[in-house]
Amino acid sequence: MAAKAPVKKNLSALKRDRQADKRNTRNRVVRSKIKNIVKDVEAALTVNNAEETAKALRLAVKTICTASSKGVIHKNTASRKISRLTKRVNASGKAAKA
């Protein structure tokens, strides 16, 4: 078991700790939202409804871009996620048309 960190005494360290907790909570919520929205896109893909899938993809891209611009996830990670989702949606669209 890891030893507990010593109690911080100076004011700047206490403030930094409070800020880190706030950011951690906020970032955790955003990352969770990204995961849920990606699952929604995948669920829409299984239904084979083109309109629903396109709407879910637009929402996912918007959410991922916002998270990237806020610094929650790295911009390359955001680009990779968007690219992979878009590729899957486009592939399912071609399969449905064929």
C-alpha atoms as a PDB file:
ATOM      1  CA  MET A   1       0.000   0.000   0.000  1.00  0.00           C
ATOM      2  CA  ALA A   2       1.324   3.435  -0.885  1.00  0.00           C
ATOM      3  CA  ALA A   3       1.995   5.875   1.912  1.00  0.00           C
ATOM      4  CA  LYS A   4      -0.305   8.866   2.163  1.00  0.00           C
ATOM      5  CA  ALA A   5       1.077  12.147   0.936  1.00  0.00           C
ATOM      6  CA  PRO A   6       1.945  14.598   3.707  1.00  0.00           C
ATOM      7  CA  VAL A   7      -0.602  17.299   4.415  1.00  0.00           C
ATOM      8  CA  LYS A   8       0.103  20.422   2.390  1.00  0.00           C
ATOM      9  CA  LYS A   9       0.746  23.521   4.433  1.00  0.00           C
ATOM     10  CA  ASN A  10       1.273  26.471   2.149  1.00  0.00           C
ATOM     11  CA  LEU A  11      -1.701  28.242   0.608  1.00  0.00           C
ATOM     12  CA  SER A  12      -0.612  27.886  -3.008  1.00  0.00           C
ATOM     13  CA  ALA A  13      -0.309  24.100  -2.641  1.00  0.00           C
ATOM     14  CA  LEU A  14      -3.780  23.921  -1.079  1.00  0.00           C
ATOM     15  CA  LYS A  15      -5.259  25.990  -3.905  1.00  0.00           C
ATOM     16  CA  ARG A  16      -3.456  23.911  -6.531  1.00  0.00           C
ATOM     17  CA  ASP A  17      -4.909  20.773  -4.909  1.00  0.00           C
ATOM     18  CA  ARG A  18      -8.436  22.216  -5.035  1.00  0.00           C
ATOM     19  CA  GLN A  19      -8.004  23.171  -8.685  1.00  0.00           C
ATOM     20  CA  ALA A  20      -6.674  19.726  -9.570  1.00  0.00           C
ATOM     21  CA  ASP A  21      -9.711  18.097  -7.952  1.00  0.00           C
ATOM     22  CA  LYS A  22     -12.118  20.338  -9.883  1.00  0.00           C
ATOM     23  CA  ARG A  23     -10.360  19.722 -13.186  1.00  0.00           C
ATOM     24  CA  ASN A  24     -10.148  15.990 -12.547  1.00  0.00           C
ATOM     25  CA  THR A  25     -13.892  15.805 -11.887  1.00  0.00           C
ATOM     26  CA  ARG A  26     -14.748  17.926 -14.931  1.00  0.00           C
ATOM     27  CA  ASN A  27     -12.415  15.986 -17.229  1.00  0.00           C
ATOM     28  CA  ARG A  28     -13.745  12.638 -15.982  1.00  0.00           C
ATOM     29  CA  VAL A  29     -17.291  13.739 -16.871  1.00  0.00           C
ATOM     30  CA  VAL A  30     -16.243  14.805 -20.371  1.00  0.00           C
ATOM     31  CA  ARG A  31     -14.305  11.580 -21.050  1.00  0.00           C
ATOM     32  CA  SER A  32     -17.293   9.556 -19.874  1.00  0.00           C
ATOM     33  CA  LYS A  33     -19.579  11.561 -22.162  1.00  0.00           C
ATOM     34  CA  ILE A  34     -17.288  10.824 -25.122  1.00  0.00           C
ATOM     35  CA  LYS A  35     -17.411   7.094 -24.405  1.00  0.00           C
ATOM     36  CA  ASN A  36     -21.207   7.122 -24.135  1.00  0.00           C
ATOM     37  CA  ILE A  37     -21.654   9.066 -27.369  1.00  0.00           C
ATOM     38  CA  VAL A  38     -19.306   6.711 -29.226  1.00  0.00           C
ATOM     39  CA  LYS A  39     -21.430   3.815 -27.946  1.00  0.00           C
ATOM     40  CA  ASP A  40     -24.524   5.615 -29.266  1.00  0.00           C
ATOM     41  CA  VAL A  41     -22.938   5.824 -32.723  1.00  0.00           C
ATOM     42  CA  GLU A  42     -22.096   2.107 -32.609  1.00  0.00           C
ATOM     43  CA  ALA A  43     -25.648   1.297 -31.522  1.00  0.00           C
ATOM     44  CA  ALA A  44     -27.029   3.380 -34.393  1.00  0.00           C
ATOM     45  CA  LEU A  45     -24.765   1.443 -36.772  1.00  0.00           C
ATOM     46  CA  THR A  46     -26.313  -1.864 -35.684  1.00  0.00           C
ATOM     47  CA  VAL A  47     -29.826  -0.538 -36.348  1.00  0.00           C
ATOM     48  CA  ASN A  48     -28.848   0.440 -39.927  1.00  0.00           C
ATOM     49  CA  ASN A  49     -30.760   3.713 -39.803  1.00  0.00           C
ATOM     50  CA  ALA A  50     -28.775   6.180 -41.911  1.00  0.00           C
ATOM     51  CA  GLU A  51     -30.373   9.344 -40.514  1.00  0.00           C
ATOM     52  CA  GLU A  52     -29.962   8.280 -36.900  1.00  0.00           C
ATOM     53  CA  THR A  53     -26.362   7.220 -37.515  1.00  0.00           C
ATOM     54  CA  ALA A  54     -25.499  10.524 -39.216  1.00  0.00           C
ATOM     55  CA  LYS A  55     -27.075  12.502 -36.381  1.00  0.00           C
ATOM     56  CA  ALA A  56     -25.194  10.467 -33.757  1.00  0.00           C
ATOM     57  CA  LEU A  57     -21.928  10.920 -35.680  1.00  0.00           C
ATOM     58  CA  ARG A  58     -22.382  14.708 -35.866  1.00  0.00           C
ATOM     59  CA  LEU A  59     -22.978  14.846 -32.113  1.00  0.00           C
ATOM     60  CA  ALA A  60     -19.952  12.638 -31.456  1.00  0.00           C
ATOM     61  CA  VAL A  61     -17.663  14.754 -33.653  1.00  0.00           C
ATOM     62  CA  LYS A  62     -18.852  17.933 -31.950  1.00  0.00           C
ATOM     63  CA  THR A  63     -18.300  16.492 -28.469  1.00  0.00           C
ATOM     64  CA  ILE A  64     -14.866  15.101 -29.299  1.00  0.00           C
ATOM     65  CA  CYS A  65     -13.741  18.384 -30.886  1.00  0.00           C
ATOM     66  CA  THR A  66     -14.950  20.335 -27.877  1.00  0.00           C
ATOM     67  CA  ALA A  67     -13.073  18.029 -25.502  1.00  0.00           C
ATOM     68  CA  SER A  68      -9.952  18.455 -27.618  1.00  0.00           C
ATOM     69  CA  SER A  69     -10.183  22.243 -27.659  1.00  0.00           C
ATOM     70  CA  LYS A  70     -10.648  22.310 -23.872  1.00  0.00           C
ATOM     71  CA  GLY A  71      -7.550  20.177 -23.395  1.00  0.00           C
ATOM     72  CA  VAL A  72      -9.352  17.161 -21.967  1.00  0.00           C
ATOM     73  CA  ILE A  73      -7.960  14.892 -24.673  1.00  0.00           C
ATOM     74  CA  HIS A  74      -5.045  15.422 -27.048  1.00  0.00           C
ATOM     75  CA  LYS A  75      -5.847  16.772 -30.502  1.00  0.00           C
ATOM     76  CA  ASN A  76      -4.334  13.728 -32.221  1.00  0.00           C
ATOM     77  CA  THR A  77      -6.452  11.426 -30.065  1.00  0.00           C
ATOM     78  CA  ALA A  78      -9.530  13.409 -31.040  1.00  0.00           C
ATOM     79  CA  SER A  79      -8.618  13.221 -34.734  1.00  0.00           C
ATOM     80  CA  ARG A  80      -8.037   9.479 -34.496  1.00  0.00           C
ATOM     81  CA  LYS A  81     -11.379   8.863 -32.782  1.00  0.00           C
ATOM     82  CA  ILE A  82     -13.265  10.998 -35.300  1.00  0.00           C
ATOM     83  CA  SER A  83     -11.500   9.350 -38.236  1.00  0.00           C
ATOM     84  CA  ARG A  84     -12.238   5.823 -37.056  1.00  0.00           C
ATOM     85  CA  LEU A  85     -15.887   6.591 -36.308  1.00  0.00           C
ATOM     86  CA  THR A  86     -16.396   8.315 -39.662  1.00  0.00           C
ATOM     87  CA  LYS A  87     -14.734   5.443 -41.499  1.00  0.00           C
ATOM     88  CA  ARG A  88     -17.050   2.926 -39.826  1.00  0.00           C
ATOM     89  CA  VAL A  89     -20.151   4.992 -40.576  1.00  0.00           C
ATOM     90  CA  ASN A  90     -19.146   5.447 -44.217  1.00  0.00           C
ATOM     91  CA  ALA A  91     -18.400   1.727 -44.595  1.00  0.00           C
ATOM     92  CA  SER A  92     -21.812   0.802 -43.200  1.00  0.00           C
ATOM     93  CA  GLY A  93     -23.448   3.279 -45.600  1.00  0.00           C
ATOM     94  CA  LYS A  94     -21.755   1.653 -48.585  1.00  0.00           C
ATOM     95  CA  ALA A  95     -22.755  -1.804 -47.352  1.00  0.00           C
ATOM     96  CA  ALA A  96     -26.367  -0.700 -46.964  1.00  0.00           C
ATOM     97  CA  LYS A  97     -26.462   0.738 -50.505  1.00  0.00           C
ATOM     98  CA  ALA A  98     -24.910  -2.358 -52.091  1.00  0.00           C
END
